[in-house]
Amino acid sequence: MRLEWWLKWEPRMRWFDEAGTRHSGANIRTWEQRFSDSVQEPRREAKIQEVGEEEKVSLLAMLTAMLAFRPEERQTATEVMECEWMQRGALPELVKCK
């Protein structure tokens, strides 16, 4: 993280020490855990079909590429629109809704 951002981020001490090292007790959730907690679990509770493994893999790949920390490593909007999840899932569903 850029130093100027680090210094302005007041709650940083909840997760990191001054050297930028994560506290050993800090909860680190993987994309898989976040997906399970935030997507699959609410779908189970609502008795909606869960997202399949193939779709989950392509969705997480898209999100990882979109949310890369360094801008030069992030996908462009065009690249996102061309990714597997958009082409095989989101865009065909959008067309069906129209």
C-alpha atoms as a PDB file:
ATOM      1  CA  MET A   1       0.000   0.000   0.000  1.00  0.00           C
ATOM      2  CA  ARG A   2       1.246   3.468  -0.784  1.00  0.00           C
ATOM      3  CA  LEU A   3       2.662   5.210   2.280  1.00  0.00           C
ATOM      4  CA  GLU A   4       0.303   8.184   1.990  1.00  0.00           C
ATOM      5  CA  TRP A   5      -2.700   5.827   2.021  1.00  0.00           C
ATOM      6  CA  TRP A   6      -1.239   3.810   4.890  1.00  0.00           C
ATOM      7  CA  LEU A   7      -0.800   6.896   7.041  1.00  0.00           C
ATOM      8  CA  LYS A   8      -4.345   8.140   6.362  1.00  0.00           C
ATOM      9  CA  TRP A   9      -5.936   4.753   7.087  1.00  0.00           C
ATOM     10  CA  GLU A  10      -6.759   5.256  10.769  1.00  0.00           C
ATOM     11  CA  PRO A  11      -8.167   1.805  11.664  1.00  0.00           C
ATOM     12  CA  ARG A  12      -5.080   0.025  10.233  1.00  0.00           C
ATOM     13  CA  MET A  13      -3.846  -0.830  13.722  1.00  0.00           C
ATOM     14  CA  ARG A  14      -6.761  -3.245  14.130  1.00  0.00           C
ATOM     15  CA  TRP A  15      -5.097  -5.543  11.586  1.00  0.00           C
ATOM     16  CA  PHE A  16      -1.451  -4.464  11.301  1.00  0.00           C
ATOM     17  CA  ASP A  17       1.417  -3.216  13.435  1.00  0.00           C
ATOM     18  CA  GLU A  18       3.345  -0.038  12.500  1.00  0.00           C
ATOM     19  CA  ALA A  19       5.748  -2.088  10.358  1.00  0.00           C
ATOM     20  CA  GLY A  20       2.811  -3.274   8.250  1.00  0.00           C
ATOM     21  CA  THR A  21       2.883  -6.848   9.549  1.00  0.00           C
ATOM     22  CA  ARG A  22      -0.515  -8.452   9.989  1.00  0.00           C
ATOM     23  CA  HIS A  23      -1.429  -9.325  13.581  1.00  0.00           C
ATOM     24  CA  SER A  24      -1.314 -13.084  14.094  1.00  0.00           C
ATOM     25  CA  GLY A  25      -4.924 -13.202  15.262  1.00  0.00           C
ATOM     26  CA  ALA A  26      -6.285 -11.223  12.304  1.00  0.00           C
ATOM     27  CA  ASN A  27      -9.002 -13.087  10.447  1.00  0.00           C
ATOM     28  CA  ILE A  28      -7.880 -13.734   6.876  1.00  0.00           C
ATOM     29  CA  ARG A  29     -10.704 -14.994   4.683  1.00  0.00           C
ATOM     30  CA  THR A  30      -9.929 -16.481   1.297  1.00  0.00           C
ATOM     31  CA  TRP A  31     -12.002 -15.800  -1.802  1.00  0.00           C
ATOM     32  CA  GLU A  32     -13.413 -19.322  -1.346  1.00  0.00           C
ATOM     33  CA  GLN A  33     -14.547 -18.533   2.215  1.00  0.00           C
ATOM     34  CA  ARG A  34     -16.029 -15.201   1.202  1.00  0.00           C
ATOM     35  CA  PHE A  35     -17.856 -16.836  -1.696  1.00  0.00           C
ATOM     36  CA  SER A  36     -19.261 -19.530   0.567  1.00  0.00           C
ATOM     37  CA  ASP A  37     -20.333 -17.054   3.273  1.00  0.00           C
ATOM     38  CA  SER A  38     -21.653 -14.293   1.019  1.00  0.00           C
ATOM     39  CA  VAL A  39     -23.056 -16.172  -1.978  1.00  0.00           C
ATOM     40  CA  GLN A  40     -23.656 -19.848  -1.316  1.00  0.00           C
ATOM     41  CA  GLU A  41     -24.941 -19.634   2.271  1.00  0.00           C
ATOM     42  CA  PRO A  42     -27.615 -16.989   1.492  1.00  0.00           C
ATOM     43  CA  ARG A  43     -28.674 -19.055  -1.518  1.00  0.00           C
ATOM     44  CA  ARG A  44     -28.995 -22.173   0.664  1.00  0.00           C
ATOM     45  CA  GLU A  45     -31.010 -20.237   3.244  1.00  0.00           C
ATOM     46  CA  ALA A  46     -33.334 -18.915   0.526  1.00  0.00           C
ATOM     47  CA  LYS A  47     -33.595 -22.408  -0.978  1.00  0.00           C
ATOM     48  CA  ILE A  48     -32.122 -21.151  -4.251  1.00  0.00           C
ATOM     49  CA  GLN A  49     -29.861 -23.387  -6.293  1.00  0.00           C
ATOM     50  CA  GLU A  50     -26.219 -22.850  -5.380  1.00  0.00           C
ATOM     51  CA  VAL A  51     -23.696 -21.623  -7.924  1.00  0.00           C
ATOM     52  CA  GLY A  52     -21.992 -24.604  -9.579  1.00  0.00           C
ATOM     53  CA  GLU A  53     -18.263 -25.272  -9.329  1.00  0.00           C
ATOM     54  CA  GLU A  54     -17.474 -24.290 -12.936  1.00  0.00           C
ATOM     55  CA  GLU A  55     -19.323 -20.975 -12.652  1.00  0.00           C
ATOM     56  CA  LYS A  56     -17.752 -20.291  -9.254  1.00  0.00           C
ATOM     57  CA  VAL A  57     -14.248 -20.797 -10.663  1.00  0.00           C
ATOM     58  CA  SER A  58     -14.869 -18.433 -13.591  1.00  0.00           C
ATOM     59  CA  LEU A  59     -16.574 -15.826 -11.364  1.00  0.00           C
ATOM     60  CA  LEU A  60     -13.722 -15.835  -8.835  1.00  0.00           C
ATOM     61  CA  ALA A  61     -11.183 -15.565 -11.669  1.00  0.00           C
ATOM     62  CA  MET A  62     -13.011 -12.492 -12.983  1.00  0.00           C
ATOM     63  CA  LEU A  63     -13.246 -10.859  -9.551  1.00  0.00           C
ATOM     64  CA  THR A  64      -9.597 -11.547  -8.776  1.00  0.00           C
ATOM     65  CA  ALA A  65      -8.543  -9.947 -12.070  1.00  0.00           C
ATOM     66  CA  MET A  66     -10.850  -6.952 -11.546  1.00  0.00           C
ATOM     67  CA  LEU A  67      -9.741  -6.306  -7.982  1.00  0.00           C
ATOM     68  CA  ALA A  68      -5.976  -6.595  -8.384  1.00  0.00           C
ATOM     69  CA  PHE A  69      -4.302  -4.067  -6.096  1.00  0.00           C
ATOM     70  CA  ARG A  70      -1.967  -2.617  -8.729  1.00  0.00           C
ATOM     71  CA  PRO A  71      -3.858  -0.842 -11.526  1.00  0.00           C
ATOM     72  CA  GLU A  72      -1.501  -2.166 -14.193  1.00  0.00           C
ATOM     73  CA  GLU A  73      -2.415  -5.721 -13.143  1.00  0.00           C
ATOM     74  CA  ARG A  74      -6.186  -5.142 -13.283  1.00  0.00           C
ATOM     75  CA  GLN A  75      -8.262  -6.171 -16.250  1.00  0.00           C
ATOM     76  CA  THR A  76      -9.766  -3.453 -18.378  1.00  0.00           C
ATOM     77  CA  ALA A  77     -13.541  -3.178 -18.745  1.00  0.00           C
ATOM     78  CA  THR A  78     -13.204  -4.704 -22.220  1.00  0.00           C
ATOM     79  CA  GLU A  79     -11.248  -7.654 -20.837  1.00  0.00           C
ATOM     80  CA  VAL A  80     -13.858  -8.172 -18.126  1.00  0.00           C
ATOM     81  CA  MET A  81     -16.649  -8.177 -20.710  1.00  0.00           C
ATOM     82  CA  GLU A  82     -14.730 -10.807 -22.685  1.00  0.00           C
ATOM     83  CA  CYS A  83     -14.029 -13.112 -19.730  1.00  0.00           C
ATOM     84  CA  GLU A  84     -15.544 -16.574 -19.451  1.00  0.00           C
ATOM     85  CA  TRP A  85     -18.028 -15.705 -16.699  1.00  0.00           C
ATOM     86  CA  MET A  86     -19.473 -12.778 -18.661  1.00  0.00           C
ATOM     87  CA  GLN A  87     -19.579 -14.631 -21.966  1.00  0.00           C
ATOM     88  CA  ARG A  88     -21.000 -17.902 -20.665  1.00  0.00           C
ATOM     89  CA  GLY A  89     -23.120 -16.678 -17.768  1.00  0.00           C
ATOM     90  CA  ALA A  90     -23.979 -13.049 -17.187  1.00  0.00           C
ATOM     91  CA  LEU A  91     -24.472 -11.771 -20.725  1.00  0.00           C
ATOM     92  CA  PRO A  92     -26.647 -14.687 -21.926  1.00  0.00           C
ATOM     93  CA  GLU A  93     -28.818 -14.266 -18.804  1.00  0.00           C
ATOM     94  CA  LEU A  94     -29.114 -10.543 -19.482  1.00  0.00           C
ATOM     95  CA  VAL A  95     -30.346 -11.257 -23.006  1.00  0.00           C
ATOM     96  CA  LYS A  96     -32.966 -13.672 -21.626  1.00  0.00           C
ATOM     97  CA  CYS A  97     -34.294 -10.943 -19.323  1.00  0.00           C
ATOM     98  CA  LYS A  98     -34.934  -8.502 -22.147  1.00  0.00           C
END
